[in-house]
Protein backbone atom coordinates (compact mmCIF):
# COMPACT_ATOMS: atom_id res chain seq x y z
CA MET A 1 -1.30 3.15 -13.62
CA SER A 2 -2.56 2.15 -10.16
CA VAL A 3 -2.98 4.63 -7.32
CA THR A 4 0.07 3.13 -5.60
CA GLN A 5 2.16 3.53 -8.75
CA SER A 6 0.86 7.07 -9.23
CA LEU A 7 1.82 8.00 -5.68
CA GLN A 8 5.28 6.52 -6.15
CA ALA A 9 5.69 8.57 -9.34
CA LEU A 10 4.54 11.62 -7.40
CA ARG A 11 7.08 10.90 -4.65
CA ASP A 12 9.91 10.57 -7.19
CA ARG A 13 8.94 13.75 -9.04
CA LEU A 14 8.70 15.87 -5.92
CA LYS A 15 12.20 14.99 -4.81
CA ALA A 16 13.50 17.12 -7.66
CA SER A 17 10.94 19.92 -7.49
CA ASP A 18 10.76 23.04 -5.36
CA LYS A 19 7.14 23.73 -6.32
CA MET A 20 4.57 22.37 -3.90
CA PRO A 21 1.69 20.28 -5.21
CA VAL A 22 -1.94 21.22 -4.72
CA VAL A 23 -4.29 18.61 -3.30
CA PHE A 24 -8.04 18.09 -3.14
CA LEU A 25 -9.40 15.33 -0.91
CA GLY A 26 -12.94 14.03 -0.79
CA HIS A 27 -13.29 13.75 2.98
CA GLY A 28 -16.70 12.08 3.31
CA SER A 29 -17.83 10.97 6.75
CA PRO A 30 -16.01 12.18 9.88
CA MET A 31 -15.81 8.49 10.84
CA ASN A 32 -12.93 8.14 8.39
CA ALA A 33 -10.85 9.88 11.08
CA ILE A 34 -11.14 6.95 13.49
CA GLU A 35 -11.80 3.96 11.23
CA ASP A 36 -9.45 1.98 9.03
CA THR A 37 -11.01 2.64 5.62
CA GLN A 38 -9.76 2.63 2.07
CA TYR A 39 -9.90 6.40 2.25
CA SER A 40 -7.92 6.88 5.45
CA ARG A 41 -5.32 4.40 4.19
CA SER A 42 -4.96 6.31 0.92
CA TRP A 43 -4.51 9.61 2.82
CA ARG A 44 -1.77 8.05 4.91
CA GLU A 45 0.01 6.83 1.76
CA LEU A 46 -0.37 10.24 0.13
CA GLY A 47 1.21 11.82 3.20
CA LYS A 48 4.27 9.64 2.68
CA ALA A 49 4.56 10.89 -0.90
CA LEU A 50 4.05 14.58 -0.19
CA PRO A 51 6.98 16.83 0.68
CA ARG A 52 7.15 18.55 4.04
CA PRO A 53 5.75 22.06 3.53
CA GLN A 54 6.58 25.23 5.39
CA ALA A 55 2.86 25.68 6.05
CA ILE A 56 -0.48 24.25 4.96
CA LEU A 57 -3.38 26.38 3.74
CA VAL A 58 -6.69 24.49 3.94
CA VAL A 59 -9.80 25.43 1.97
CA SER A 60 -12.56 23.44 3.66
CA ALA A 61 -16.22 22.98 2.77
CA HIS A 62 -17.07 23.59 6.41
CA TRP A 63 -15.97 27.20 6.83
CA MET A 64 -18.63 29.13 4.97
CA THR A 65 -18.89 32.91 4.88
CA ARG A 66 -21.07 35.21 2.83
CA GLY A 67 -19.91 38.37 1.11
CA THR A 68 -16.35 38.07 2.38
CA THR A 69 -13.46 35.62 2.64
CA LEU A 70 -11.75 35.08 5.97
CA VAL A 71 -8.27 33.82 6.77
CA ASP A 72 -7.48 32.24 10.14
CA VAL A 73 -4.69 34.28 11.75
CA SER A 74 -4.68 32.49 15.12
CA GLN A 75 -1.43 31.22 16.59
CA PHE A 76 -3.00 28.05 17.97
CA PRO A 77 -6.08 27.05 15.94
CA ARG A 78 -8.58 25.02 17.93
CA THR A 79 -9.93 21.64 16.84
CA ILE A 80 -13.58 22.13 15.87
CA TYR A 81 -16.14 19.32 16.23
CA ASP A 82 -18.66 20.61 13.71
CA PHE A 83 -20.86 17.50 13.63
CA TYR A 84 -23.20 15.72 16.02
CA GLY A 85 -24.49 12.23 16.79
CA PHE A 86 -21.15 10.47 16.41
CA PRO A 87 -19.26 8.21 18.86
CA ASP A 88 -17.45 9.82 21.81
CA GLU A 89 -14.11 8.68 20.38
CA LEU A 90 -14.49 11.14 17.53
CA TYR A 91 -14.91 14.08 19.91
CA GLN A 92 -11.74 13.04 21.73
CA GLN A 93 -9.60 13.53 18.63
CA SER A 94 -7.43 16.62 18.34
CA TYR A 95 -4.98 18.07 15.86
CA PRO A 96 -2.74 20.41 17.89
CA ALA A 97 -0.83 22.03 15.02
CA GLU A 98 0.23 25.63 15.35
CA GLY A 99 -1.16 28.27 13.06
CA SER A 100 0.80 30.48 10.69
CA PRO A 101 -0.23 34.09 11.44
CA GLU A 102 2.50 35.66 9.32
CA MET A 103 1.70 33.57 6.26
CA ALA A 104 -2.00 34.17 6.84
CA LYS A 105 -1.38 37.91 6.73
CA GLU A 106 0.49 37.46 3.44
CA VAL A 107 -2.53 35.62 2.04
CA ILE A 108 -4.72 38.57 3.05
CA SER A 109 -2.39 40.83 1.07
CA LEU A 110 -2.24 38.41 -1.87
CA LEU A 111 -6.04 38.30 -2.08
CA GLY A 112 -6.45 42.01 -1.44
CA SER A 113 -8.92 42.53 -4.29
CA HIS A 114 -11.26 39.80 -2.99
CA HIS A 115 -12.51 41.39 0.26
CA VAL A 116 -10.37 39.16 2.47
CA GLU A 117 -10.08 39.74 6.20
CA GLY A 118 -8.28 38.09 9.11
CA ASP A 119 -10.13 36.05 11.72
CA ASP A 120 -8.95 34.49 14.98
CA THR A 121 -12.14 32.73 16.07
CA TRP A 122 -12.31 29.72 13.73
CA GLY A 123 -9.59 27.07 13.88
CA LEU A 124 -9.53 23.66 12.16
CA ASP A 125 -12.92 22.19 11.28
CA HIS A 126 -13.44 18.52 10.49
CA GLY A 127 -12.88 19.12 6.79
CA ALA A 128 -9.31 19.95 7.77
CA TRP A 129 -8.23 17.86 10.75
CA THR A 130 -9.83 14.55 9.77
CA VAL A 131 -7.54 14.35 6.73
CA LEU A 132 -4.51 16.20 8.11
CA LYS A 133 -4.13 13.63 10.89
CA PHE A 134 -3.23 11.09 8.17
CA LEU A 135 -1.20 13.36 5.90
CA TYR A 136 0.96 14.81 8.68
CA PRO A 137 0.16 12.73 11.79
CA ASN A 138 2.62 14.53 14.07
CA ALA A 139 0.78 17.83 13.62
CA ASP A 140 4.18 19.48 13.28
CA VAL A 141 3.47 21.66 10.23
CA PRO A 142 1.76 25.06 10.73
CA VAL A 143 -1.82 25.08 9.40
CA PHE A 144 -4.34 27.82 8.69
CA GLN A 145 -7.69 27.91 6.92
CA LEU A 146 -9.34 30.05 4.24
CA SER A 147 -13.13 30.35 4.19
CA ILE A 148 -15.37 29.94 1.15
CA ASP A 149 -17.63 32.85 0.17
CA MET A 150 -21.03 31.31 -0.51
CA ALA A 151 -22.31 34.56 -2.05
CA ALA A 152 -19.70 34.55 -4.84
CA ASP A 153 -20.17 32.84 -8.18
CA LEU A 154 -18.32 29.64 -9.02
CA SER A 155 -15.71 31.35 -11.17
CA HIS A 156 -14.70 33.49 -8.19
CA HIS A 157 -13.38 30.38 -6.43
CA VAL A 158 -11.33 29.36 -9.45
CA GLN A 159 -9.83 32.85 -9.47
CA ILE A 160 -9.01 32.59 -5.77
CA GLY A 161 -7.02 29.47 -6.61
CA ARG A 162 -5.14 31.29 -9.37
CA GLU A 163 -4.15 34.01 -6.94
CA LEU A 164 -3.08 31.49 -4.31
CA ALA A 165 -0.90 29.57 -6.79
CA ALA A 166 2.03 31.88 -6.02
CA LEU A 167 2.24 30.23 -2.59
CA ARG A 168 3.30 26.97 -4.21
CA HIS A 169 6.76 28.47 -4.77
CA ARG A 170 6.98 29.52 -1.14
CA GLY A 171 6.69 26.11 0.46
CA VAL A 172 2.94 26.24 1.11
CA LEU A 173 0.79 23.17 0.49
CA ILE A 174 -2.69 24.25 -0.66
CA LEU A 175 -5.20 21.61 0.42
CA GLY A 176 -8.87 21.56 -0.52
CA SER A 177 -11.35 19.38 1.35
CA GLY A 178 -14.92 18.70 0.25
CA ASN A 179 -16.61 16.27 -2.14
CA ILE A 180 -17.13 16.34 -5.91
CA VAL A 181 -20.66 15.00 -5.36
CA HIS A 182 -22.34 15.68 -2.01
CA ASN A 183 -26.06 15.11 -1.62
CA LEU A 184 -26.83 13.78 1.86
CA ARG A 185 -30.57 14.07 1.22
CA THR A 186 -30.41 11.10 -1.14
CA MET A 187 -27.77 8.95 0.58
CA ARG A 188 -28.36 5.20 0.76
CA PHE A 189 -26.04 2.95 2.72
CA GLY A 190 -24.81 -0.07 0.79
CA ALA A 191 -26.56 1.01 -2.41
CA LYS A 192 -25.20 1.50 -5.91
CA PRO A 193 -24.39 5.07 -6.99
CA TYR A 194 -27.13 7.08 -8.61
CA ASP A 195 -26.67 7.59 -12.33
CA TRP A 196 -26.62 11.36 -11.88
CA ALA A 197 -23.88 11.07 -9.23
CA LEU A 198 -21.71 9.05 -11.57
CA GLU A 199 -22.41 11.44 -14.44
CA PHE A 200 -21.45 14.53 -12.48
CA ASP A 201 -18.33 12.89 -11.05
CA GLN A 202 -17.18 11.77 -14.50
CA THR A 203 -18.05 15.11 -16.10
CA PHE A 204 -15.96 16.86 -13.48
CA ALA A 205 -13.03 14.49 -14.06
CA ARG A 206 -13.13 14.99 -17.84
CA ASN A 207 -13.22 18.77 -17.55
CA LEU A 208 -10.44 18.76 -14.97
CA GLU A 209 -8.22 16.61 -17.19
CA ALA A 210 -8.89 19.01 -20.08
CA ARG A 211 -8.15 22.01 -17.79
CA ASN A 212 -11.56 23.34 -18.81
CA MET A 213 -12.06 25.61 -15.82
CA ASP A 214 -14.86 27.51 -17.53
CA ALA A 215 -16.91 24.32 -17.77
CA LEU A 216 -16.21 23.42 -14.13
CA ALA A 217 -17.54 26.82 -13.05
CA ASP A 218 -20.47 27.06 -15.50
CA ARG A 219 -23.47 26.86 -13.19
CA ALA A 220 -25.95 27.31 -16.05
CA GLY A 221 -24.20 24.76 -18.23
CA LEU A 222 -24.06 22.17 -15.45
CA GLY A 223 -27.73 22.87 -14.83
CA ASN A 224 -29.86 20.30 -13.04
CA LEU A 225 -26.91 17.90 -12.79
CA LEU A 226 -25.15 20.36 -10.46
CA ARG A 227 -28.34 20.87 -8.45
CA MET A 228 -28.66 17.12 -7.95
CA ALA A 229 -25.00 16.67 -7.06
CA HIS A 230 -24.92 19.71 -4.76
CA PRO A 231 -28.12 21.00 -3.13
CA SER A 232 -25.59 23.43 -1.60
CA VAL A 233 -22.28 23.99 -3.39
CA ASP A 234 -20.17 24.23 -0.22
CA HIS A 235 -18.48 20.87 -0.82
CA TYR A 236 -17.83 21.71 -4.49
CA LEU A 237 -16.15 25.09 -4.04
CA PRO A 238 -12.85 23.83 -2.53
CA ALA A 239 -12.38 21.63 -5.60
CA LEU A 240 -12.70 24.69 -7.84
CA THR A 241 -10.10 26.59 -5.81
CA ILE A 242 -7.62 23.72 -6.04
CA ALA A 243 -8.29 23.37 -9.78
CA GLY A 244 -7.60 27.09 -10.17
CA ALA A 245 -4.24 26.76 -8.39
CA ALA A 246 -2.96 24.26 -10.97
CA ASP A 247 -0.95 25.30 -14.01
CA ALA A 248 -0.53 23.93 -17.51
CA LYS A 249 2.75 22.16 -16.66
CA ASP A 250 1.27 20.17 -13.79
CA GLU A 251 0.54 16.48 -13.99
CA LEU A 252 -2.73 15.20 -12.56
CA VAL A 253 -3.29 12.12 -10.39
CA PHE A 254 -6.75 10.94 -9.32
CA MET A 255 -7.38 8.98 -6.11
CA ASN A 256 -10.43 7.31 -4.56
CA ASP A 257 -12.61 7.68 -7.64
CA THR A 258 -15.60 5.98 -6.02
CA ILE A 259 -19.10 7.00 -4.94
CA ASP A 260 -19.92 6.32 -1.27
CA ILE A 261 -23.45 5.91 0.18
CA ALA A 262 -24.83 6.31 -3.38
CA SER A 263 -24.47 10.10 -3.53
CA VAL A 264 -21.10 11.21 -2.11
CA SER A 265 -18.09 11.17 -4.43
CA MET A 266 -14.80 10.44 -2.70
CA ARG A 267 -12.80 11.40 -5.79
CA SER A 268 -9.59 13.18 -4.86
CA PHE A 269 -6.83 14.64 -7.00
CA VAL A 270 -3.30 15.98 -6.87
CA PHE A 271 -1.66 18.42 -9.28
CA TYR A 272 2.13 18.32 -9.19
């Protein structure tokens, strides 16, 4: 089944469902926000298939904390330009969605055993707004972010997803943004993917299809392959949270299963 056919099937299924999907997008370069790429086009098409949520909770690779998890409780989250050296046009972009302070406070309560606190200083980093502008271009759905605790083990992030899954029945779209493989130290423009990048990407896909969450979060078992794919695991953790929010009845659709600049996987997935 092609991506287009898969998205149509997703659109048809969601018409009869009151449970929100969970989505992970490989966001790649910030330039996808202003260029017509295969990735930005696929995000736009996905947005047409997705239902309109009551709110969007984003777990982005670019809001990292240590020893705690923060939830953005601001009423009007600012657009954050957390990159440098890009064209002026990129810094002129904005995503003026409102926040969802009340839902954010409910998330704090829901994750009460995970040292979660409210924060009103963050906003929407580029892991969030560069994809949201295609999914919901009118910025008319409330959005708030959840940080990733870099001090916690991998299984912690799967468990966070399991706790958040209850939001799916309350009209909340849980959106993860990162990359399944993300090693900018080894990137090569126009080059073929490294063998280890392909291996990690395909290993992840197999384990996700099998719902083998233990394998996805087994740092020792993934070994050197994980270290090559992720010198820092920040871009991997959102994928684990989204995987954790899925349930056994969900169907799985993959999108953009390609490796960009030799060492960045753009693989994305939807559970619905």
